[in-house]
Amino acid sequence: MKDIRLADLQESVQDRTAFGTLADYLTLGGAFLKFILKAKPTRIVSPSHPNYVFYQCAREAGHP
């Protein structure tokens, strides 16, 4: 199985036809978690809204 890239995830969430069942959401969530474990992006917590978490990816993960 090939490694998931940031561009693959971005393309997946933009495809509205890809979310027909609950299993589709589970598949995307699993792909995102697999990406996070491999890419190890910087985790940024919003200072004004601590429940908002952002991930900053390195160029090697496909981030421009």
PDB file of N, CA and C in Angstrom:
ATOM      1  N   MET A   1       0.837  -1.182   0.000  1.00  0.00           N
ATOM      2  CA  MET A   1       0.000   0.000   0.000  1.00  0.00           C
ATOM      3  C   MET A   1       0.886   1.252   0.000  1.00  0.00           C
ATOM      4  N   LYS A   2       0.558   2.214  -0.848  1.00  0.00           N
ATOM      5  CA  LYS A   2       1.396   3.412  -0.959  1.00  0.00           C
ATOM      6  C   LYS A   2       1.148   4.350   0.215  1.00  0.00           C
ATOM      7  N   ASP A   3       2.157   5.181   0.496  1.00  0.00           N
ATOM      8  CA  ASP A   3       2.034   6.177   1.557  1.00  0.00           C
ATOM      9  C   ASP A   3       1.043   7.245   1.140  1.00  0.00           C
ATOM     10  N   ILE A   4       0.250   7.691   2.093  1.00  0.00           N
ATOM     11  CA  ILE A   4      -0.706   8.761   1.826  1.00  0.00           C
ATOM     12  C   ILE A   4       0.043  10.095   1.857  1.00  0.00           C
ATOM     13  N   ARG A   5      -0.311  10.971   0.951  1.00  0.00           N
ATOM     14  CA  ARG A   5       0.312  12.296   0.895  1.00  0.00           C
ATOM     15  C   ARG A   5      -0.711  13.341   1.317  1.00  0.00           C
ATOM     16  N   LEU A   6      -0.219  14.501   1.733  1.00  0.00           N
ATOM     17  CA  LEU A   6      -1.098  15.593   2.130  1.00  0.00           C
ATOM     18  C   LEU A   6      -2.031  15.961   0.983  1.00  0.00           C
ATOM     19  N   ALA A   7      -1.523  15.991  -0.227  1.00  0.00           N
ATOM     20  CA  ALA A   7      -2.351  16.318  -1.399  1.00  0.00           C
ATOM     21  C   ALA A   7      -3.474  15.303  -1.582  1.00  0.00           C
ATOM     22  N   ASP A   8      -3.201  14.026  -1.276  1.00  0.00           N
ATOM     23  CA  ASP A   8      -4.234  12.987  -1.372  1.00  0.00           C
ATOM     24  C   ASP A   8      -5.367  13.262  -0.381  1.00  0.00           C
ATOM     25  N   LEU A   9      -5.003  13.632   0.835  1.00  0.00           N
ATOM     26  CA  LEU A   9      -6.018  13.930   1.846  1.00  0.00           C
ATOM     27  C   LEU A   9      -6.844  15.153   1.450  1.00  0.00           C
ATOM     28  N   GLN A  10      -6.167  16.183   0.959  1.00  0.00           N
ATOM     29  CA  GLN A  10      -6.870  17.400   0.551  1.00  0.00           C
ATOM     30  C   GLN A  10      -7.854  17.102  -0.578  1.00  0.00           C
ATOM     31  N   GLU A  11      -7.433  16.285  -1.510  1.00  0.00           N
ATOM     32  CA  GLU A  11      -8.305  15.917  -2.623  1.00  0.00           C
ATOM     33  C   GLU A  11      -9.499  15.096  -2.127  1.00  0.00           C
ATOM     34  N   SER A  12      -9.252  14.209  -1.185  1.00  0.00           N
ATOM     35  CA  SER A  12     -10.319  13.363  -0.650  1.00  0.00           C
ATOM     36  C   SER A  12     -11.413  14.166   0.034  1.00  0.00           C
ATOM     37  N   VAL A  13     -11.059  15.149   0.831  1.00  0.00           N
ATOM     38  CA  VAL A  13     -12.082  15.906   1.561  1.00  0.00           C
ATOM     39  C   VAL A  13     -12.850  16.857   0.659  1.00  0.00           C
ATOM     40  N   GLN A  14     -12.318  17.160  -0.513  1.00  0.00           N
ATOM     41  CA  GLN A  14     -13.006  18.048  -1.445  1.00  0.00           C
ATOM     42  C   GLN A  14     -13.987  17.300  -2.339  1.00  0.00           C
ATOM     43  N   ASP A  15     -13.909  15.983  -2.349  1.00  0.00           N
ATOM     44  CA  ASP A  15     -14.786  15.164  -3.182  1.00  0.00           C
ATOM     45  C   ASP A  15     -16.061  14.829  -2.409  1.00  0.00           C
ATOM     46  N   ARG A  16     -17.114  15.587  -2.645  1.00  0.00           N
ATOM     47  CA  ARG A  16     -18.366  15.403  -1.901  1.00  0.00           C
ATOM     48  C   ARG A  16     -19.023  14.056  -2.179  1.00  0.00           C
ATOM     49  N   THR A  17     -18.722  13.454  -3.309  1.00  0.00           N
ATOM     50  CA  THR A  17     -19.327  12.159  -3.631  1.00  0.00           C
ATOM     51  C   THR A  17     -18.666  11.013  -2.860  1.00  0.00           C
ATOM     52  N   ALA A  18     -17.544  11.291  -2.215  1.00  0.00           N
ATOM     53  CA  ALA A  18     -16.802  10.250  -1.506  1.00  0.00           C
ATOM     54  C   ALA A  18     -17.384   9.943  -0.126  1.00  0.00           C
ATOM     55  N   PHE A  19     -18.403  10.693   0.304  1.00  0.00           N
ATOM     56  CA  PHE A  19     -18.945  10.524   1.649  1.00  0.00           C
ATOM     57  C   PHE A  19     -20.406  10.103   1.608  1.00  0.00           C
ATOM     58  N   GLY A  20     -20.642   8.893   1.158  1.00  0.00           N
ATOM     59  CA  GLY A  20     -21.998   8.386   1.060  1.00  0.00           C
ATOM     60  C   GLY A  20     -22.418   7.573   2.277  1.00  0.00           C
ATOM     61  N   THR A  21     -21.432   7.008   2.977  1.00  0.00           N
ATOM     62  CA  THR A  21     -21.740   6.166   4.132  1.00  0.00           C
ATOM     63  C   THR A  21     -20.837   6.537   5.302  1.00  0.00           C
ATOM     64  N   LEU A  22     -21.210   6.068   6.469  1.00  0.00           N
ATOM     65  CA  LEU A  22     -20.395   6.301   7.657  1.00  0.00           C
ATOM     66  C   LEU A  22     -19.012   5.664   7.498  1.00  0.00           C
ATOM     67  N   ALA A  23     -18.954   4.546   6.821  1.00  0.00           N
ATOM     68  CA  ALA A  23     -17.677   3.856   6.588  1.00  0.00           C
ATOM     69  C   ALA A  23     -16.717   4.732   5.789  1.00  0.00           C
ATOM     70  N   ASP A  24     -17.240   5.576   4.902  1.00  0.00           N
ATOM     71  CA  ASP A  24     -16.393   6.481   4.124  1.00  0.00           C
ATOM     72  C   ASP A  24     -15.675   7.470   5.046  1.00  0.00           C
ATOM     73  N   TYR A  25     -16.390   7.964   6.054  1.00  0.00           N
ATOM     74  CA  TYR A  25     -15.782   8.888   7.022  1.00  0.00           C
ATOM     75  C   TYR A  25     -14.717   8.169   7.848  1.00  0.00           C
ATOM     76  N   LEU A  26     -14.989   6.922   8.200  1.00  0.00           N
ATOM     77  CA  LEU A  26     -14.028   6.128   8.952  1.00  0.00           C
ATOM     78  C   LEU A  26     -12.756   5.896   8.136  1.00  0.00           C
ATOM     79  N   THR A  27     -12.918   5.632   6.856  1.00  0.00           N
ATOM     80  CA  THR A  27     -11.770   5.427   5.973  1.00  0.00           C
ATOM     81  C   THR A  27     -10.904   6.686   5.903  1.00  0.00           C
ATOM     82  N   LEU A  28     -11.533   7.837   5.724  1.00  0.00           N
ATOM     83  CA  LEU A  28     -10.783   9.093   5.660  1.00  0.00           C
ATOM     84  C   LEU A  28     -10.101   9.393   6.993  1.00  0.00           C
ATOM     85  N   GLY A  29     -10.810   9.172   8.097  1.00  0.00           N
ATOM     86  CA  GLY A  29     -10.220   9.395   9.419  1.00  0.00           C
ATOM     87  C   GLY A  29      -9.000   8.520   9.642  1.00  0.00           C
ATOM     88  N   GLY A  30      -9.095   7.262   9.233  1.00  0.00           N
ATOM     89  CA  GLY A  30      -7.958   6.348   9.359  1.00  0.00           C
ATOM     90  C   GLY A  30      -6.776   6.787   8.510  1.00  0.00           C
ATOM     91  N   ALA A  31      -7.054   7.256   7.307  1.00  0.00           N
ATOM     92  CA  ALA A  31      -5.988   7.742   6.422  1.00  0.00           C
ATOM     93  C   ALA A  31      -5.311   8.972   7.029  1.00  0.00           C
ATOM     94  N   PHE A  32      -6.112   9.862   7.631  1.00  0.00           N
ATOM     95  CA  PHE A  32      -5.553  11.057   8.272  1.00  0.00           C
ATOM     96  C   PHE A  32      -4.661  10.671   9.452  1.00  0.00           C
ATOM     97  N   LEU A  33      -5.118   9.756  10.284  1.00  0.00           N
ATOM     98  CA  LEU A  33      -4.311   9.332  11.424  1.00  0.00           C
ATOM     99  C   LEU A  33      -3.015   8.663  10.977  1.00  0.00           C
ATOM    100  N   LYS A  34      -3.087   7.859   9.923  1.00  0.00           N
ATOM    101  CA  LYS A  34      -1.880   7.220   9.388  1.00  0.00           C
ATOM    102  C   LYS A  34      -0.897   8.280   8.884  1.00  0.00           C
ATOM    103  N   PHE A  35      -1.427   9.316   8.228  1.00  0.00           N
ATOM    104  CA  PHE A  35      -0.586  10.408   7.739  1.00  0.00           C
ATOM    105  C   PHE A  35       0.085  11.143   8.902  1.00  0.00           C
ATOM    106  N   ILE A  36      -0.692  11.451   9.945  1.00  0.00           N
ATOM    107  CA  ILE A  36      -0.163  12.171  11.112  1.00  0.00           C
ATOM    108  C   ILE A  36       0.959  11.380  11.779  1.00  0.00           C
ATOM    109  N   LEU A  37       0.777  10.077  11.902  1.00  0.00           N
ATOM    110  CA  LEU A  37       1.812   9.247  12.530  1.00  0.00           C
ATOM    111  C   LEU A  37       3.102   9.232  11.726  1.00  0.00           C
ATOM    112  N   LYS A  38       2.984   9.243  10.411  1.00  0.00           N
ATOM    113  CA  LYS A  38       4.177   9.188   9.562  1.00  0.00           C
ATOM    114  C   LYS A  38       4.826  10.559   9.380  1.00  0.00           C
ATOM    115  N   ALA A  39       4.019  11.589   9.128  1.00  0.00           N
ATOM    116  CA  ALA A  39       4.554  12.918   8.817  1.00  0.00           C
ATOM    117  C   ALA A  39       5.039  13.677  10.049  1.00  0.00           C
ATOM    118  N   LYS A  40       4.462  13.372  11.212  1.00  0.00           N
ATOM    119  CA  LYS A  40       4.812  14.044  12.465  1.00  0.00           C
ATOM    120  C   LYS A  40       4.803  15.573  12.333  1.00  0.00           C
ATOM    121  N   PRO A  41       3.660  16.149  11.942  1.00  0.00           N
ATOM    122  CA  PRO A  41       3.588  17.603  11.795  1.00  0.00           C
ATOM    123  C   PRO A  41       3.625  18.310  13.147  1.00  0.00           C
ATOM    124  N   THR A  42       3.926  19.592  13.114  1.00  0.00           N
ATOM    125  CA  THR A  42       3.903  20.405  14.328  1.00  0.00           C
ATOM    126  C   THR A  42       2.452  20.639  14.713  1.00  0.00           C
ATOM    127  N   ARG A  43       2.142  20.377  15.966  1.00  0.00           N
ATOM    128  CA  ARG A  43       0.775  20.554  16.481  1.00  0.00           C
ATOM    129  C   ARG A  43       0.677  21.951  17.087  1.00  0.00           C
ATOM    130  N   ILE A  44      -0.276  22.741  16.628  1.00  0.00           N
ATOM    131  CA  ILE A  44      -0.461  24.109  17.096  1.00  0.00           C
ATOM    132  C   ILE A  44      -1.858  24.224  17.698  1.00  0.00           C
ATOM    133  N   VAL A  45      -1.920  24.635  18.972  1.00  0.00           N
ATOM    134  CA  VAL A  45      -3.193  24.815  19.654  1.00  0.00           C
ATOM    135  C   VAL A  45      -3.500  26.313  19.670  1.00  0.00           C
ATOM    136  N   SER A  46      -4.700  26.668  19.273  1.00  0.00           N
ATOM    137  CA  SER A  46      -5.116  28.071  19.249  1.00  0.00           C
ATOM    138  C   SER A  46      -5.092  28.642  20.664  1.00  0.00           C
ATOM    139  N   PRO A  47      -4.418  29.782  20.878  1.00  0.00           N
ATOM    140  CA  PRO A  47      -4.377  30.371  22.218  1.00  0.00           C
ATOM    141  C   PRO A  47      -5.739  30.902  22.680  1.00  0.00           C
ATOM    142  N   SER A  48      -6.558  31.360  21.745  1.00  0.00           N
ATOM    143  CA  SER A  48      -7.853  31.915  22.128  1.00  0.00           C
ATOM    144  C   SER A  48      -8.965  30.863  22.180  1.00  0.00           C
ATOM    145  N   HIS A  49      -8.781  29.761  21.464  1.00  0.00           N
ATOM    146  CA  HIS A  49      -9.761  28.673  21.447  1.00  0.00           C
ATOM    147  C   HIS A  49      -9.002  27.342  21.559  1.00  0.00           C
ATOM    148  N   PRO A  50      -8.676  26.918  22.767  1.00  0.00           N
ATOM    149  CA  PRO A  50      -7.823  25.737  22.946  1.00  0.00           C
ATOM    150  C   PRO A  50      -8.379  24.443  22.356  1.00  0.00           C
ATOM    151  N   ASN A  51      -9.664  24.421  22.031  1.00  0.00           N
ATOM    152  CA  ASN A  51     -10.203  23.212  21.413  1.00  0.00           C
ATOM    153  C   ASN A  51      -9.949  23.185  19.899  1.00  0.00           C
ATOM    154  N   TYR A  52      -9.339  24.228  19.343  1.00  0.00           N
ATOM    155  CA  TYR A  52      -8.952  24.254  17.928  1.00  0.00           C
ATOM    156  C   TYR A  52      -7.490  23.827  17.828  1.00  0.00           C
ATOM    157  N   VAL A  53      -7.235  22.792  17.065  1.00  0.00           N
ATOM    158  CA  VAL A  53      -5.880  22.285  16.888  1.00  0.00           C
ATOM    159  C   VAL A  53      -5.553  22.301  15.405  1.00  0.00           C
ATOM    160  N   PHE A  54      -4.390  22.817  15.072  1.00  0.00           N
ATOM    161  CA  PHE A  54      -3.925  22.901  13.693  1.00  0.00           C
ATOM    162  C   PHE A  54      -2.641  22.096  13.573  1.00  0.00           C
ATOM    163  N   TYR A  55      -2.381  21.601  12.384  1.00  0.00           N
ATOM    164  CA  TYR A  55      -1.154  20.857  12.127  1.00  0.00           C
ATOM    165  C   TYR A  55      -0.395  21.541  11.002  1.00  0.00           C
ATOM    166  N   GLN A  56       0.879  21.825  11.243  1.00  0.00           N
ATOM    167  CA  GLN A  56       1.726  22.424  10.218  1.00  0.00           C
ATOM    168  C   GLN A  56       2.678  21.353   9.720  1.00  0.00           C
ATOM    169  N   CYS A  57       2.581  21.062   8.436  1.00  0.00           N
ATOM    170  CA  CYS A  57       3.384  20.010   7.826  1.00  0.00           C
ATOM    171  C   CYS A  57       4.633  20.589   7.169  1.00  0.00           C
ATOM    172  N   ALA A  58       5.671  19.784   7.165  1.00  0.00           N
ATOM    173  CA  ALA A  58       6.927  20.167   6.513  1.00  0.00           C
ATOM    174  C   ALA A  58       6.785  20.024   5.002  1.00  0.00           C
ATOM    175  N   ARG A  59       7.666  20.623   4.274  1.00  0.00           N
ATOM    176  CA  ARG A  59       7.645  20.535   2.810  1.00  0.00           C
ATOM    177  C   ARG A  59       7.719  19.088   2.327  1.00  0.00           C
ATOM    178  N   GLU A  60       8.439  18.248   3.060  1.00  0.00           N
ATOM    179  CA  GLU A  60       8.578  16.850   2.659  1.00  0.00           C
ATOM    180  C   GLU A  60       7.229  16.126   2.640  1.00  0.00           C
ATOM    181  N   ALA A  61       6.273  16.626   3.417  1.00  0.00           N
ATOM    182  CA  ALA A  61       4.933  16.007   3.461  1.00  0.00           C
ATOM    183  C   ALA A  61       4.037  16.552   2.363  1.00  0.00           C
ATOM    184  N   GLY A  62       4.565  17.454   1.571  1.00  0.00           N
ATOM    185  CA  GLY A  62       3.784  18.000   0.458  1.00  0.00           C
ATOM    186  C   GLY A  62       3.219  19.364   0.722  1.00  0.00           C
ATOM    187  N   HIS A  63       3.587  19.990   1.826  1.00  0.00           N
ATOM    188  CA  HIS A  63       3.099  21.339   2.135  1.00  0.00           C
ATOM    189  C   HIS A  63       3.964  22.355   1.408  1.00  0.00           C
ATOM    190  N   PRO A  64       3.342  23.296   0.688  1.00  0.00           N
ATOM    191  CA  PRO A  64       4.149  24.285  -0.060  1.00  0.00           C
ATOM    192  C   PRO A  64       4.853  25.276   0.833  1.00  0.00           C
TER     193      PRO A  64
END
